[in-house]
Amino acid sequence: MGINSFSMANQIGAAIAKSTQVLGPIALGAGQTFPVSATDLWVTQATFYGYKALSATGAPTINAVNAGVGPFVSGVAKIMEVIPPGGKVVYAPAGGTKFNLKDLAVAGAAADGVVVTYIQ
């Protein structure tokens, strides 16, 4: 048994198409942090947008000021990334791994929000 005795575990022919899901807008409040998900939600990629409202027929309504996202561990948030109004922040771990949206929190000004798109 040499090094060439093994094959890829995930062959391209066995790939399953993934679709993007939307979470939010998550309403924000001044001086508060909010977990992104109340339950376990394991994803391969998540994009956080600085939008307070979405429209089915037009452009989203952007936030008034910056929002933030970061780790949420044992009920304590550590806001580390800045989401500018109308901007985005992408979380994407190494290929083939997932992370839990329950372990992230968002914060920002009252009347603003964050929209999250994710791929499982």
N, C-alpha and C. Protein backbone atom coordinates (compact mmCIF):
# COMPACT_ATOMS: atom_id res chain seq x y z
N MET A 1 0.83 -1.17 0.00
CA MET A 1 0.00 0.00 0.00
C MET A 1 0.88 1.23 0.00
N GLY A 2 0.92 1.90 -1.11
CA GLY A 2 1.70 3.12 -1.20
C GLY A 2 0.82 4.35 -1.17
N ILE A 3 1.43 5.49 -1.35
CA ILE A 3 0.71 6.76 -1.32
C ILE A 3 -0.35 6.86 -2.42
N ASN A 4 -0.18 6.13 -3.52
CA ASN A 4 -1.12 6.18 -4.62
C ASN A 4 -2.29 5.21 -4.45
N SER A 5 -2.39 4.58 -3.30
CA SER A 5 -3.46 3.61 -3.05
C SER A 5 -4.77 4.27 -2.62
N PHE A 6 -4.78 5.58 -2.47
CA PHE A 6 -5.96 6.28 -1.99
C PHE A 6 -6.55 7.14 -3.09
N SER A 7 -7.86 7.34 -3.03
CA SER A 7 -8.53 8.22 -3.99
C SER A 7 -9.26 9.33 -3.22
N MET A 8 -9.68 10.34 -3.95
CA MET A 8 -10.40 11.45 -3.33
C MET A 8 -11.69 10.95 -2.70
N ALA A 9 -11.99 11.43 -1.50
CA ALA A 9 -13.22 11.04 -0.82
C ALA A 9 -14.43 11.73 -1.44
N ASN A 10 -14.24 12.93 -1.95
CA ASN A 10 -15.34 13.70 -2.53
C ASN A 10 -15.10 13.86 -4.03
N GLN A 11 -15.58 12.93 -4.79
CA GLN A 11 -15.39 13.01 -6.23
C GLN A 11 -16.33 14.06 -6.82
N ILE A 12 -15.87 14.76 -7.82
CA ILE A 12 -16.65 15.83 -8.43
C ILE A 12 -17.98 15.33 -8.99
N GLY A 13 -18.04 14.10 -9.43
CA GLY A 13 -19.27 13.53 -9.96
C GLY A 13 -20.34 13.33 -8.92
N ALA A 14 -19.94 13.31 -7.65
CA ALA A 14 -20.89 13.10 -6.57
C ALA A 14 -21.31 14.42 -5.92
N ALA A 15 -20.94 15.55 -6.52
CA ALA A 15 -21.24 16.85 -5.93
C ALA A 15 -22.74 17.13 -5.95
N ILE A 16 -23.21 17.78 -4.92
CA ILE A 16 -24.61 18.18 -4.81
C ILE A 16 -24.68 19.69 -4.93
N ALA A 17 -25.58 20.17 -5.78
CA ALA A 17 -25.74 21.61 -5.95
C ALA A 17 -26.19 22.24 -4.64
N LYS A 18 -25.60 23.39 -4.30
CA LYS A 18 -25.95 24.09 -3.08
C LYS A 18 -26.69 25.37 -3.45
N SER A 19 -27.67 25.74 -2.64
CA SER A 19 -28.40 26.97 -2.90
C SER A 19 -28.19 27.94 -1.75
N THR A 20 -28.33 29.22 -2.06
CA THR A 20 -28.16 30.25 -1.07
C THR A 20 -29.47 30.47 -0.32
N GLN A 21 -29.38 30.56 0.99
CA GLN A 21 -30.53 30.84 1.85
C GLN A 21 -30.37 32.23 2.44
N VAL A 22 -31.49 32.86 2.80
CA VAL A 22 -31.46 34.22 3.36
C VAL A 22 -32.02 34.21 4.78
N LEU A 23 -31.35 34.92 5.66
CA LEU A 23 -31.75 35.06 7.05
C LEU A 23 -31.85 36.54 7.36
N GLY A 24 -33.00 37.01 7.76
CA GLY A 24 -33.13 38.42 8.12
C GLY A 24 -34.02 39.18 7.17
N PRO A 25 -34.03 40.47 7.29
CA PRO A 25 -33.13 41.29 8.09
C PRO A 25 -33.28 41.04 9.59
N ILE A 26 -32.14 41.03 10.27
CA ILE A 26 -32.10 40.92 11.72
C ILE A 26 -32.10 42.35 12.25
N ALA A 27 -33.17 42.73 12.95
CA ALA A 27 -33.28 44.09 13.48
C ALA A 27 -32.25 44.32 14.58
N LEU A 28 -31.61 45.47 14.55
CA LEU A 28 -30.58 45.81 15.52
C LEU A 28 -31.10 46.87 16.49
N GLY A 29 -30.47 46.97 17.63
CA GLY A 29 -30.80 47.98 18.63
C GLY A 29 -29.55 48.57 19.22
N ALA A 30 -29.57 49.85 19.51
CA ALA A 30 -28.40 50.54 20.04
C ALA A 30 -27.92 49.90 21.34
N GLY A 31 -26.65 49.61 21.42
CA GLY A 31 -26.06 49.05 22.63
C GLY A 31 -26.39 47.59 22.89
N GLN A 32 -26.91 46.89 21.89
CA GLN A 32 -27.27 45.49 22.06
C GLN A 32 -26.58 44.63 21.01
N THR A 33 -26.39 43.36 21.35
CA THR A 33 -25.91 42.39 20.36
C THR A 33 -26.96 41.31 20.24
N PHE A 34 -27.04 40.74 19.03
CA PHE A 34 -28.04 39.73 18.74
C PHE A 34 -27.38 38.53 18.10
N PRO A 35 -27.66 37.31 18.60
CA PRO A 35 -27.10 36.13 17.93
C PRO A 35 -27.70 36.03 16.53
N VAL A 36 -26.90 35.56 15.58
CA VAL A 36 -27.36 35.42 14.20
C VAL A 36 -28.42 34.34 14.10
N SER A 37 -28.25 33.25 14.83
CA SER A 37 -29.22 32.15 14.81
C SER A 37 -29.44 31.67 16.24
N ALA A 38 -30.70 31.42 16.58
CA ALA A 38 -31.02 30.93 17.92
C ALA A 38 -30.74 29.43 18.06
N THR A 39 -30.65 28.72 16.95
CA THR A 39 -30.38 27.28 16.97
C THR A 39 -29.14 26.98 16.14
N ASP A 40 -28.62 25.77 16.26
CA ASP A 40 -27.46 25.38 15.47
C ASP A 40 -27.78 25.48 13.99
N LEU A 41 -26.92 26.16 13.25
CA LEU A 41 -27.07 26.31 11.81
C LEU A 41 -25.67 26.27 11.20
N TRP A 42 -25.25 25.07 10.79
CA TRP A 42 -23.91 24.84 10.27
C TRP A 42 -23.86 25.19 8.79
N VAL A 43 -22.93 26.08 8.41
CA VAL A 43 -22.84 26.56 7.04
C VAL A 43 -21.40 26.52 6.55
N THR A 44 -21.24 26.54 5.23
CA THR A 44 -19.90 26.57 4.64
C THR A 44 -19.46 27.99 4.30
N GLN A 45 -20.44 28.91 4.17
CA GLN A 45 -20.12 30.31 3.88
C GLN A 45 -21.29 31.18 4.29
N ALA A 46 -21.00 32.38 4.79
CA ALA A 46 -22.05 33.34 5.14
C ALA A 46 -21.59 34.73 4.74
N THR A 47 -22.51 35.51 4.18
CA THR A 47 -22.23 36.89 3.81
C THR A 47 -23.18 37.78 4.60
N PHE A 48 -22.65 38.77 5.28
CA PHE A 48 -23.41 39.70 6.11
C PHE A 48 -23.50 41.04 5.38
N TYR A 49 -24.73 41.52 5.15
CA TYR A 49 -24.97 42.76 4.43
C TYR A 49 -25.51 43.84 5.37
N GLY A 50 -25.11 45.08 5.14
CA GLY A 50 -25.58 46.22 5.92
C GLY A 50 -26.88 46.77 5.39
N TYR A 51 -27.96 45.98 5.44
CA TYR A 51 -29.28 46.38 4.97
C TYR A 51 -30.28 46.31 6.12
N LYS A 52 -31.19 47.27 6.20
CA LYS A 52 -32.25 47.21 7.20
C LYS A 52 -33.57 46.73 6.63
N ALA A 53 -33.70 46.72 5.31
CA ALA A 53 -34.93 46.22 4.69
C ALA A 53 -34.61 45.68 3.30
N LEU A 54 -35.38 44.67 2.89
CA LEU A 54 -35.25 44.10 1.55
C LEU A 54 -36.56 44.32 0.80
N SER A 55 -36.45 44.51 -0.49
CA SER A 55 -37.62 44.69 -1.34
C SER A 55 -37.66 43.58 -2.38
N ALA A 56 -38.84 43.08 -2.69
CA ALA A 56 -38.97 42.05 -3.71
C ALA A 56 -38.81 42.63 -5.11
N THR A 57 -38.99 43.95 -5.25
CA THR A 57 -38.97 44.55 -6.59
C THR A 57 -37.95 45.67 -6.76
N GLY A 58 -37.22 46.02 -5.72
CA GLY A 58 -36.27 47.12 -5.83
C GLY A 58 -35.03 46.90 -5.01
N ALA A 59 -34.23 47.93 -4.94
CA ALA A 59 -32.97 47.86 -4.19
C ALA A 59 -33.24 47.79 -2.69
N PRO A 60 -32.35 47.14 -1.93
CA PRO A 60 -32.53 47.10 -0.47
C PRO A 60 -32.32 48.48 0.14
N THR A 61 -32.86 48.67 1.33
CA THR A 61 -32.65 49.91 2.08
C THR A 61 -31.40 49.74 2.92
N ILE A 62 -30.41 50.60 2.70
CA ILE A 62 -29.14 50.44 3.42
C ILE A 62 -29.23 51.05 4.82
N ASN A 63 -28.33 50.61 5.68
CA ASN A 63 -28.28 51.11 7.05
C ASN A 63 -27.84 52.57 7.09
N ALA A 64 -28.10 53.21 8.22
CA ALA A 64 -27.68 54.60 8.42
C ALA A 64 -26.20 54.67 8.83
N VAL A 65 -25.75 53.69 9.62
CA VAL A 65 -24.37 53.68 10.11
C VAL A 65 -23.81 52.26 10.03
N ASN A 66 -22.55 52.11 10.42
CA ASN A 66 -21.91 50.79 10.41
C ASN A 66 -22.62 49.82 11.34
N ALA A 67 -22.60 48.54 10.97
CA ALA A 67 -23.01 47.46 11.84
C ALA A 67 -21.77 46.60 12.07
N GLY A 68 -21.88 45.60 12.91
CA GLY A 68 -20.73 44.75 13.18
C GLY A 68 -21.13 43.31 13.35
N VAL A 69 -20.15 42.42 13.17
CA VAL A 69 -20.36 40.99 13.34
C VAL A 69 -19.11 40.40 14.00
N GLY A 70 -19.32 39.37 14.81
CA GLY A 70 -18.17 38.72 15.45
C GLY A 70 -18.61 37.52 16.25
N PRO A 71 -17.66 36.86 16.91
CA PRO A 71 -17.95 35.65 17.69
C PRO A 71 -18.92 35.92 18.84
N PHE A 72 -19.76 34.94 19.13
CA PHE A 72 -20.73 34.98 20.24
C PHE A 72 -20.53 33.69 21.01
N VAL A 73 -19.75 33.77 22.09
CA VAL A 73 -19.39 32.57 22.84
C VAL A 73 -19.85 32.72 24.29
N SER A 74 -20.58 31.74 24.77
CA SER A 74 -21.09 31.72 26.15
C SER A 74 -21.86 33.00 26.48
N GLY A 75 -22.63 33.51 25.52
CA GLY A 75 -23.45 34.69 25.75
C GLY A 75 -22.73 36.01 25.68
N VAL A 76 -21.45 36.00 25.31
CA VAL A 76 -20.67 37.23 25.21
C VAL A 76 -20.25 37.45 23.76
N ALA A 77 -20.57 38.61 23.22
CA ALA A 77 -20.23 38.93 21.83
C ALA A 77 -18.91 39.69 21.78
N LYS A 78 -18.14 39.42 20.75
CA LYS A 78 -16.89 40.12 20.47
C LYS A 78 -16.98 40.64 19.03
N ILE A 79 -17.54 41.82 18.87
CA ILE A 79 -17.75 42.39 17.54
C ILE A 79 -16.39 42.77 16.96
N MET A 80 -16.02 42.15 15.84
CA MET A 80 -14.69 42.33 15.28
C MET A 80 -14.68 42.85 13.85
N GLU A 81 -15.73 42.59 13.09
CA GLU A 81 -15.77 42.99 11.68
C GLU A 81 -16.79 44.10 11.50
N VAL A 82 -16.45 45.11 10.70
CA VAL A 82 -17.35 46.23 10.44
C VAL A 82 -18.05 46.02 9.11
N ILE A 83 -19.39 46.17 9.13
CA ILE A 83 -20.19 46.09 7.92
C ILE A 83 -20.64 47.51 7.60
N PRO A 84 -20.06 48.15 6.59
CA PRO A 84 -20.47 49.53 6.27
C PRO A 84 -21.89 49.55 5.70
N PRO A 85 -22.59 50.68 5.79
CA PRO A 85 -23.94 50.76 5.23
C PRO A 85 -23.93 50.34 3.76
N GLY A 86 -24.73 49.35 3.42
CA GLY A 86 -24.79 48.84 2.05
C GLY A 86 -23.64 47.93 1.68
N GLY A 87 -22.69 47.71 2.59
CA GLY A 87 -21.52 46.88 2.33
C GLY A 87 -21.74 45.46 2.81
N LYS A 88 -20.67 44.67 2.75
CA LYS A 88 -20.78 43.28 3.17
C LYS A 88 -19.49 42.78 3.78
N VAL A 89 -19.62 41.70 4.57
CA VAL A 89 -18.50 40.97 5.15
C VAL A 89 -18.76 39.50 4.87
N VAL A 90 -17.74 38.78 4.38
CA VAL A 90 -17.90 37.37 4.05
C VAL A 90 -17.11 36.52 5.04
N TYR A 91 -17.77 35.51 5.59
CA TYR A 91 -17.12 34.50 6.42
C TYR A 91 -17.08 33.22 5.60
N ALA A 92 -15.89 32.71 5.33
CA ALA A 92 -15.74 31.47 4.57
C ALA A 92 -14.52 30.71 5.10
N PRO A 93 -14.73 29.63 5.83
CA PRO A 93 -13.61 28.87 6.36
C PRO A 93 -12.93 28.07 5.25
N ALA A 94 -11.93 27.33 5.63
CA ALA A 94 -11.21 26.48 4.67
C ALA A 94 -12.17 25.52 3.98
N GLY A 95 -11.88 25.21 2.74
CA GLY A 95 -12.73 24.30 1.97
C GLY A 95 -13.02 23.00 2.70
N GLY A 96 -14.27 22.56 2.62
CA GLY A 96 -14.65 21.30 3.23
C GLY A 96 -15.00 21.38 4.71
N THR A 97 -14.98 22.61 5.28
CA THR A 97 -15.31 22.77 6.69
C THR A 97 -16.55 23.64 6.83
N LYS A 98 -17.17 23.58 7.99
CA LYS A 98 -18.36 24.38 8.27
C LYS A 98 -18.18 25.12 9.59
N PHE A 99 -18.99 26.15 9.79
CA PHE A 99 -19.03 26.84 11.07
C PHE A 99 -20.49 27.07 11.43
N ASN A 100 -20.74 27.38 12.70
CA ASN A 100 -22.10 27.49 13.23
C ASN A 100 -22.49 28.96 13.33
N LEU A 101 -23.57 29.35 12.65
CA LEU A 101 -24.06 30.72 12.73
C LEU A 101 -24.54 31.08 14.14
N LYS A 102 -24.83 30.08 14.94
CA LYS A 102 -25.23 30.31 16.33
C LYS A 102 -24.07 30.91 17.13
N ASP A 103 -22.85 30.72 16.65
CA ASP A 103 -21.66 31.22 17.34
C ASP A 103 -21.23 32.60 16.89
N LEU A 104 -22.11 33.31 16.14
CA LEU A 104 -21.81 34.67 15.69
C LEU A 104 -22.92 35.61 16.16
N ALA A 105 -22.57 36.88 16.36
CA ALA A 105 -23.53 37.89 16.79
C ALA A 105 -23.36 39.13 15.92
N VAL A 106 -24.42 39.94 15.87
CA VAL A 106 -24.40 41.20 15.13
C VAL A 106 -24.79 42.33 16.06
N ALA A 107 -24.33 43.53 15.75
CA ALA A 107 -24.65 44.71 16.55
C ALA A 107 -24.69 45.92 15.63
N GLY A 108 -25.40 46.95 16.07
CA GLY A 108 -25.48 48.18 15.29
C GLY A 108 -26.44 49.16 15.91
N ALA A 109 -26.83 50.15 15.12
CA ALA A 109 -27.70 51.22 15.60
C ALA A 109 -29.16 50.81 15.54
N ALA A 110 -29.98 51.46 16.37
CA ALA A 110 -31.42 51.22 16.34
C ALA A 110 -31.96 51.57 14.97
N ALA A 111 -32.94 50.82 14.51
CA ALA A 111 -33.61 50.99 13.21
C ALA A 111 -32.77 50.47 12.04
N ASP A 112 -31.57 49.97 12.29
CA ASP A 112 -30.76 49.35 11.24
C ASP A 112 -30.94 47.85 11.32
N GLY A 113 -30.28 47.12 10.42
CA GLY A 113 -30.39 45.67 10.42
C GLY A 113 -29.24 45.01 9.68
N VAL A 114 -29.23 43.70 9.69
CA VAL A 114 -28.23 42.91 8.97
C VAL A 114 -28.97 41.77 8.27
N VAL A 115 -28.65 41.57 7.01
CA VAL A 115 -29.17 40.45 6.24
C VAL A 115 -28.03 39.47 6.05
N VAL A 116 -28.31 38.19 6.25
CA VAL A 116 -27.30 37.15 6.10
C VAL A 116 -27.72 36.20 4.99
N THR A 117 -26.84 35.98 4.03
CA THR A 117 -27.05 34.90 3.06
C THR A 117 -26.03 33.83 3.40
N TYR A 118 -26.45 32.57 3.31
CA TYR A 118 -25.55 31.49 3.66
C TYR A 118 -25.73 30.29 2.75
N ILE A 119 -24.67 29.49 2.69
CA ILE A 119 -24.66 28.25 1.93
C ILE A 119 -24.35 27.13 2.91
N GLN A 120 -25.18 26.10 2.91
CA GLN A 120 -24.94 24.97 3.79
C GLN A 120 -24.12 23.96 3.07
